[in-house]
Amino acid sequence: MKNIIAEFKTFILRGNVIQLAVAVVIGAAFGKVTVAANDHLIQPLLGIVGGVPSLAWMDVKYFRLGSFLDACFSFVITAAAVFFVIVKPMNRMMALLEKKDPNAPEPEKPATLEDVVAELKAVNESLKK
């Protein structure tokens, strides 16, 4: 039982799980901001330009095309806001933090297939002796 708890603890404390949890929480909170921006800024602008603050006027009997376009428009706004407010600054910050030390040794190159084959042949030759 202790082994399972230790594995679970290792799994939870991995960076990926923590980052995902933070992303979900921030995404939920930021979603409210983008919905408010869409409802209170973008849709009224559409209303000023087009006379109706929504694309619902494009709905036809059973097909809610305008509502679908509203949802698509909202998604694009959300994606753009997340990209420009979170992703782009985070990438810039990570690039600044990961500045390479000019004196640092160069990382070892991974072995090629030829290297592996040559090593296996050498092992095979040593086993034959």
N, C-alpha and C. Protein backbone atom coordinates (compact mmCIF):
# COMPACT_ATOMS: atom_id res chain seq x y z
N MET A 1 0.83 -1.20 0.00
CA MET A 1 0.00 0.00 0.00
C MET A 1 0.87 1.26 0.00
N LYS A 2 2.00 1.21 0.77
CA LYS A 2 2.89 2.37 0.81
C LYS A 2 3.50 2.63 -0.55
N ASN A 3 3.77 1.55 -1.31
CA ASN A 3 4.34 1.69 -2.64
C ASN A 3 3.38 2.45 -3.56
N ILE A 4 2.10 2.14 -3.48
CA ILE A 4 1.10 2.82 -4.31
C ILE A 4 1.01 4.29 -3.93
N ILE A 5 1.03 4.57 -2.64
CA ILE A 5 0.96 5.96 -2.18
C ILE A 5 2.20 6.73 -2.64
N ALA A 6 3.37 6.09 -2.56
CA ALA A 6 4.60 6.74 -3.01
C ALA A 6 4.55 7.01 -4.52
N GLU A 7 4.07 6.05 -5.29
CA GLU A 7 3.94 6.26 -6.74
C GLU A 7 2.97 7.39 -7.05
N PHE A 8 1.85 7.42 -6.32
CA PHE A 8 0.85 8.48 -6.53
C PHE A 8 1.46 9.84 -6.19
N LYS A 9 2.21 9.90 -5.10
CA LYS A 9 2.84 11.16 -4.70
C LYS A 9 3.82 11.61 -5.78
N THR A 10 4.61 10.69 -6.32
CA THR A 10 5.55 11.01 -7.39
C THR A 10 4.81 11.52 -8.62
N PHE A 11 3.71 10.86 -8.95
CA PHE A 11 2.91 11.25 -10.11
C PHE A 11 2.35 12.66 -9.93
N ILE A 12 1.77 12.93 -8.77
CA ILE A 12 1.14 14.23 -8.52
C ILE A 12 2.17 15.36 -8.50
N LEU A 13 3.34 15.08 -7.95
CA LEU A 13 4.32 16.14 -7.81
C LEU A 13 5.17 16.36 -9.06
N ARG A 14 4.92 15.62 -10.10
CA ARG A 14 5.60 15.88 -11.38
C ARG A 14 5.18 17.25 -11.87
N GLY A 15 6.07 17.90 -12.56
CA GLY A 15 5.79 19.25 -13.05
C GLY A 15 4.59 19.31 -13.98
N ASN A 16 4.41 18.30 -14.83
CA ASN A 16 3.34 18.33 -15.81
C ASN A 16 1.96 18.37 -15.15
N VAL A 17 1.78 17.59 -14.10
CA VAL A 17 0.46 17.53 -13.44
C VAL A 17 0.18 18.85 -12.75
N ILE A 18 1.17 19.40 -12.08
CA ILE A 18 1.00 20.69 -11.40
C ILE A 18 0.69 21.78 -12.43
N GLN A 19 1.43 21.79 -13.52
CA GLN A 19 1.19 22.80 -14.55
C GLN A 19 -0.21 22.67 -15.14
N LEU A 20 -0.65 21.44 -15.34
CA LEU A 20 -1.99 21.23 -15.87
C LEU A 20 -3.05 21.73 -14.90
N ALA A 21 -2.87 21.46 -13.62
CA ALA A 21 -3.83 21.92 -12.63
C ALA A 21 -3.90 23.44 -12.59
N VAL A 22 -2.74 24.07 -12.63
CA VAL A 22 -2.70 25.53 -12.64
C VAL A 22 -3.37 26.07 -13.90
N ALA A 23 -3.10 25.42 -15.03
CA ALA A 23 -3.69 25.87 -16.29
C ALA A 23 -5.21 25.77 -16.27
N VAL A 24 -5.75 24.71 -15.68
CA VAL A 24 -7.20 24.55 -15.61
C VAL A 24 -7.81 25.66 -14.75
N VAL A 25 -7.20 25.91 -13.60
CA VAL A 25 -7.74 26.95 -12.70
C VAL A 25 -7.65 28.32 -13.34
N ILE A 26 -6.50 28.64 -13.90
CA ILE A 26 -6.34 29.95 -14.53
C ILE A 26 -7.23 30.07 -15.76
N GLY A 27 -7.34 28.99 -16.53
CA GLY A 27 -8.21 29.01 -17.71
C GLY A 27 -9.66 29.26 -17.35
N ALA A 28 -10.12 28.64 -16.27
CA ALA A 28 -11.51 28.86 -15.83
C ALA A 28 -11.72 30.31 -15.42
N ALA A 29 -10.76 30.84 -14.67
CA ALA A 29 -10.89 32.24 -14.24
C ALA A 29 -10.79 33.19 -15.43
N PHE A 30 -9.86 32.91 -16.33
CA PHE A 30 -9.67 33.78 -17.48
C PHE A 30 -10.84 33.68 -18.45
N GLY A 31 -11.50 32.52 -18.46
CA GLY A 31 -12.69 32.35 -19.31
C GLY A 31 -13.76 33.37 -18.97
N LYS A 32 -13.91 33.65 -17.68
CA LYS A 32 -14.91 34.65 -17.25
C LYS A 32 -14.55 36.04 -17.79
N VAL A 33 -13.26 36.33 -17.79
CA VAL A 33 -12.81 37.64 -18.30
C VAL A 33 -13.10 37.75 -19.79
N THR A 34 -12.81 36.71 -20.54
CA THR A 34 -13.04 36.78 -21.98
C THR A 34 -14.53 36.78 -22.33
N VAL A 35 -15.33 36.06 -21.55
CA VAL A 35 -16.79 36.10 -21.77
C VAL A 35 -17.30 37.51 -21.51
N ALA A 36 -16.81 38.13 -20.44
CA ALA A 36 -17.23 39.51 -20.14
C ALA A 36 -16.78 40.46 -21.25
N ALA A 37 -15.54 40.28 -21.74
CA ALA A 37 -15.06 41.14 -22.83
C ALA A 37 -15.92 40.96 -24.07
N ASN A 38 -16.27 39.71 -24.37
CA ASN A 38 -17.10 39.44 -25.53
C ASN A 38 -18.50 40.03 -25.35
N ASP A 39 -19.11 39.78 -24.20
CA ASP A 39 -20.48 40.22 -23.96
C ASP A 39 -20.61 41.74 -23.82
N HIS A 40 -19.60 42.37 -23.21
CA HIS A 40 -19.73 43.78 -22.88
C HIS A 40 -18.92 44.72 -23.76
N LEU A 41 -18.02 44.17 -24.56
CA LEU A 41 -17.23 45.03 -25.45
C LEU A 41 -17.41 44.67 -26.93
N ILE A 42 -17.18 43.41 -27.27
CA ILE A 42 -17.21 43.01 -28.68
C ILE A 42 -18.63 42.98 -29.23
N GLN A 43 -19.54 42.32 -28.53
CA GLN A 43 -20.92 42.24 -29.01
C GLN A 43 -21.57 43.62 -29.15
N PRO A 44 -21.39 44.55 -28.18
CA PRO A 44 -21.93 45.90 -28.41
C PRO A 44 -21.30 46.60 -29.62
N LEU A 45 -20.00 46.33 -29.88
CA LEU A 45 -19.39 46.90 -31.09
C LEU A 45 -20.06 46.35 -32.34
N LEU A 46 -20.35 45.05 -32.33
CA LEU A 46 -21.09 44.47 -33.45
C LEU A 46 -22.46 45.13 -33.58
N GLY A 47 -23.05 45.44 -32.43
CA GLY A 47 -24.36 46.10 -32.43
C GLY A 47 -24.29 47.50 -33.03
N ILE A 48 -23.21 48.21 -32.75
CA ILE A 48 -23.04 49.56 -33.30
C ILE A 48 -22.86 49.49 -34.81
N VAL A 49 -22.02 48.54 -35.25
CA VAL A 49 -21.73 48.42 -36.68
C VAL A 49 -22.90 47.82 -37.44
N GLY A 50 -23.44 46.73 -36.92
CA GLY A 50 -24.47 46.00 -37.65
C GLY A 50 -25.89 46.29 -37.20
N GLY A 51 -26.04 46.97 -36.08
CA GLY A 51 -27.38 47.29 -35.60
C GLY A 51 -27.95 46.25 -34.66
N VAL A 52 -27.36 45.08 -34.59
CA VAL A 52 -27.82 44.02 -33.69
C VAL A 52 -26.59 43.52 -32.94
N PRO A 53 -26.63 43.47 -31.58
CA PRO A 53 -25.44 43.09 -30.83
C PRO A 53 -25.15 41.59 -30.83
N SER A 54 -25.57 40.90 -31.84
CA SER A 54 -25.35 39.45 -31.91
C SER A 54 -25.52 39.02 -33.35
N LEU A 55 -24.99 37.86 -33.64
CA LEU A 55 -25.18 37.32 -34.98
C LEU A 55 -26.38 36.38 -35.03
N ALA A 56 -27.18 36.37 -33.96
CA ALA A 56 -28.34 35.48 -33.89
C ALA A 56 -29.37 35.81 -34.98
N TRP A 57 -29.30 36.98 -35.57
CA TRP A 57 -30.22 37.33 -36.65
C TRP A 57 -30.03 36.43 -37.85
N MET A 58 -28.89 35.71 -37.90
CA MET A 58 -28.62 34.80 -39.02
C MET A 58 -29.25 33.42 -38.80
N ASP A 59 -29.86 33.20 -37.63
CA ASP A 59 -30.49 31.91 -37.36
C ASP A 59 -31.64 31.68 -38.34
N VAL A 60 -31.72 30.46 -38.86
CA VAL A 60 -32.77 30.09 -39.79
C VAL A 60 -33.50 28.88 -39.24
N LYS A 61 -34.75 29.04 -38.88
CA LYS A 61 -35.63 27.99 -38.37
C LYS A 61 -34.90 26.98 -37.48
N TYR A 62 -34.41 25.87 -38.02
CA TYR A 62 -33.78 24.83 -37.21
C TYR A 62 -32.26 25.02 -37.08
N PHE A 63 -31.69 25.82 -37.93
CA PHE A 63 -30.25 26.01 -37.94
C PHE A 63 -29.90 27.32 -37.25
N ARG A 64 -29.15 27.23 -36.18
CA ARG A 64 -28.77 28.42 -35.41
C ARG A 64 -27.37 28.87 -35.84
N LEU A 65 -27.26 29.27 -37.09
CA LEU A 65 -25.98 29.66 -37.66
C LEU A 65 -25.38 30.87 -36.93
N GLY A 66 -26.19 31.84 -36.65
CA GLY A 66 -25.71 33.05 -35.95
C GLY A 66 -25.17 32.71 -34.57
N SER A 67 -25.87 31.86 -33.85
CA SER A 67 -25.41 31.46 -32.52
C SER A 67 -24.10 30.69 -32.62
N PHE A 68 -24.00 29.84 -33.63
CA PHE A 68 -22.75 29.09 -33.86
C PHE A 68 -21.61 30.06 -34.16
N LEU A 69 -21.85 31.05 -35.00
CA LEU A 69 -20.81 32.03 -35.32
C LEU A 69 -20.44 32.85 -34.10
N ASP A 70 -21.42 33.19 -33.24
CA ASP A 70 -21.12 33.87 -31.98
C ASP A 70 -20.16 33.04 -31.13
N ALA A 71 -20.43 31.74 -31.03
CA ALA A 71 -19.56 30.85 -30.24
C ALA A 71 -18.17 30.77 -30.85
N CYS A 72 -18.10 30.70 -32.17
CA CYS A 72 -16.79 30.65 -32.85
C CYS A 72 -16.02 31.94 -32.62
N PHE A 73 -16.71 33.06 -32.72
CA PHE A 73 -16.10 34.36 -32.51
C PHE A 73 -15.58 34.47 -31.09
N SER A 74 -16.37 34.01 -30.14
CA SER A 74 -15.96 34.02 -28.73
C SER A 74 -14.73 33.14 -28.52
N PHE A 75 -14.69 31.97 -29.18
CA PHE A 75 -13.53 31.08 -29.06
C PHE A 75 -12.28 31.75 -29.60
N VAL A 76 -12.38 32.40 -30.75
CA VAL A 76 -11.21 33.06 -31.34
C VAL A 76 -10.72 34.17 -30.42
N ILE A 77 -11.65 34.93 -29.84
CA ILE A 77 -11.26 35.98 -28.90
C ILE A 77 -10.55 35.38 -27.70
N THR A 78 -11.10 34.28 -27.16
CA THR A 78 -10.49 33.63 -26.00
C THR A 78 -9.10 33.11 -26.35
N ALA A 79 -8.96 32.44 -27.48
CA ALA A 79 -7.67 31.90 -27.89
C ALA A 79 -6.64 33.01 -28.09
N ALA A 80 -7.05 34.09 -28.72
CA ALA A 80 -6.13 35.21 -28.95
C ALA A 80 -5.72 35.84 -27.63
N ALA A 81 -6.68 36.01 -26.73
CA ALA A 81 -6.36 36.61 -25.43
C ALA A 81 -5.41 35.72 -24.65
N VAL A 82 -5.65 34.43 -24.63
CA VAL A 82 -4.75 33.51 -23.92
C VAL A 82 -3.36 33.54 -24.55
N PHE A 83 -3.29 33.56 -25.87
CA PHE A 83 -2.00 33.59 -26.55
C PHE A 83 -1.21 34.84 -26.23
N PHE A 84 -1.86 36.02 -26.38
CA PHE A 84 -1.14 37.27 -26.21
C PHE A 84 -0.93 37.67 -24.75
N VAL A 85 -1.79 37.22 -23.86
CA VAL A 85 -1.67 37.61 -22.45
C VAL A 85 -0.89 36.59 -21.63
N ILE A 86 -0.96 35.31 -22.00
CA ILE A 86 -0.30 34.28 -21.19
C ILE A 86 0.85 33.62 -21.93
N VAL A 87 0.60 33.06 -23.10
CA VAL A 87 1.60 32.25 -23.79
C VAL A 87 2.79 33.08 -24.25
N LYS A 88 2.54 34.16 -24.95
CA LYS A 88 3.63 34.98 -25.49
C LYS A 88 4.53 35.53 -24.39
N PRO A 89 3.99 36.16 -23.33
CA PRO A 89 4.87 36.63 -22.24
C PRO A 89 5.60 35.49 -21.54
N MET A 90 4.94 34.34 -21.38
CA MET A 90 5.59 33.21 -20.71
C MET A 90 6.75 32.69 -21.55
N ASN A 91 6.58 32.63 -22.87
CA ASN A 91 7.67 32.20 -23.75
C ASN A 91 8.86 33.16 -23.66
N ARG A 92 8.57 34.45 -23.63
CA ARG A 92 9.64 35.44 -23.52
C ARG A 92 10.37 35.29 -22.18
N MET A 93 9.60 35.11 -21.09
CA MET A 93 10.21 34.95 -19.78
C MET A 93 11.08 33.69 -19.72
N MET A 94 10.58 32.59 -20.29
CA MET A 94 11.34 31.34 -20.29
C MET A 94 12.63 31.49 -21.11
N ALA A 95 12.56 32.23 -22.21
CA ALA A 95 13.76 32.46 -23.03
C ALA A 95 14.79 33.25 -22.25
N LEU A 96 14.35 34.22 -21.47
CA LEU A 96 15.28 35.00 -20.65
C LEU A 96 15.89 34.16 -19.55
N LEU A 97 15.09 33.28 -18.96
CA LEU A 97 15.59 32.43 -17.88
C LEU A 97 16.52 31.34 -18.39
N GLU A 98 16.37 30.94 -19.64
CA GLU A 98 17.16 29.85 -20.18
C GLU A 98 18.36 30.33 -20.99
N LYS A 99 18.82 31.53 -20.71
CA LYS A 99 20.00 32.01 -21.42
C LYS A 99 21.14 31.05 -21.14
N LYS A 100 21.80 30.62 -22.20
CA LYS A 100 22.86 29.62 -22.07
C LYS A 100 24.16 30.26 -21.62
N ASP A 101 24.85 29.54 -20.76
CA ASP A 101 26.16 29.95 -20.30
C ASP A 101 27.17 29.65 -21.40
N PRO A 102 27.93 30.63 -21.86
CA PRO A 102 28.87 30.36 -22.96
C PRO A 102 29.97 29.38 -22.57
N ASN A 103 30.23 29.23 -21.28
CA ASN A 103 31.28 28.32 -20.81
C ASN A 103 30.75 26.92 -20.52
N ALA A 104 29.44 26.73 -20.66
CA ALA A 104 28.86 25.43 -20.36
C ALA A 104 29.26 24.42 -21.42
N PRO A 105 29.52 23.17 -21.00
CA PRO A 105 29.88 22.16 -22.00
C PRO A 105 28.69 21.84 -22.90
N GLU A 106 29.02 21.49 -24.13
CA GLU A 106 27.97 21.16 -25.09
C GLU A 106 27.37 19.80 -24.74
N PRO A 107 26.03 19.66 -24.83
CA PRO A 107 25.42 18.39 -24.47
C PRO A 107 25.87 17.27 -25.41
N GLU A 108 25.93 16.07 -24.85
CA GLU A 108 26.37 14.91 -25.63
C GLU A 108 25.35 14.57 -26.71
N LYS A 109 25.84 14.29 -27.91
CA LYS A 109 24.95 13.96 -29.02
C LYS A 109 24.44 12.53 -28.84
N PRO A 110 23.20 12.27 -29.22
CA PRO A 110 22.69 10.90 -29.10
C PRO A 110 23.38 9.97 -30.09
N ALA A 111 23.44 8.69 -29.72
CA ALA A 111 24.10 7.70 -30.56
C ALA A 111 23.31 7.50 -31.85
N THR A 112 24.05 7.32 -32.94
CA THR A 112 23.40 7.04 -34.21
C THR A 112 23.25 5.53 -34.37
N LEU A 113 22.52 5.12 -35.36
CA LEU A 113 22.33 3.69 -35.63
C LEU A 113 23.66 3.02 -35.93
N GLU A 114 24.53 3.71 -36.66
CA GLU A 114 25.84 3.16 -36.98
C GLU A 114 26.66 2.91 -35.72
N ASP A 115 26.58 3.85 -34.74
CA ASP A 115 27.30 3.69 -33.48
C ASP A 115 26.81 2.46 -32.73
N VAL A 116 25.51 2.28 -32.68
CA VAL A 116 24.92 1.14 -31.97
C VAL A 116 25.33 -0.17 -32.64
N VAL A 117 25.27 -0.21 -33.97
CA VAL A 117 25.66 -1.43 -34.70
C VAL A 117 27.13 -1.75 -34.45
N ALA A 118 28.00 -0.74 -34.51
CA ALA A 118 29.43 -0.95 -34.27
C ALA A 118 29.66 -1.48 -32.85
N GLU A 119 28.97 -0.93 -31.87
CA GLU A 119 29.13 -1.39 -30.49
C GLU A 119 28.63 -2.82 -30.32
N LEU A 120 27.52 -3.15 -30.97
CA LEU A 120 27.00 -4.52 -30.89
C LEU A 120 27.97 -5.51 -31.55
N LYS A 121 28.58 -5.12 -32.65
CA LYS A 121 29.57 -5.98 -33.31
C LYS A 121 30.77 -6.19 -32.39
N ALA A 122 31.20 -5.14 -31.71
CA ALA A 122 32.34 -5.26 -30.79
C ALA A 122 32.00 -6.20 -29.64
N VAL A 123 30.80 -6.09 -29.10
CA VAL A 123 30.37 -6.98 -28.02
C VAL A 123 30.29 -8.41 -28.52
N ASN A 124 29.78 -8.60 -29.71
CA ASN A 124 29.67 -9.92 -30.30
C ASN A 124 31.06 -10.54 -30.49
N GLU A 125 32.02 -9.75 -30.96
CA GLU A 125 33.39 -10.23 -31.14
C GLU A 125 34.02 -10.61 -29.81
N SER A 126 33.77 -9.80 -28.78
CA SER A 126 34.35 -10.12 -27.48
C SER A 126 33.73 -11.36 -26.87
N LEU A 127 32.48 -11.65 -27.18
CA LEU A 127 31.83 -12.87 -26.67
C LEU A 127 32.32 -14.12 -27.40
N LYS A 128 32.76 -13.97 -28.63
CA LYS A 128 33.25 -15.10 -29.40
C LYS A 128 34.60 -15.59 -28.87
N LYS A 129 35.36 -14.74 -28.24
CA LYS A 129 36.70 -15.10 -27.76
C LYS A 129 36.66 -15.92 -26.53
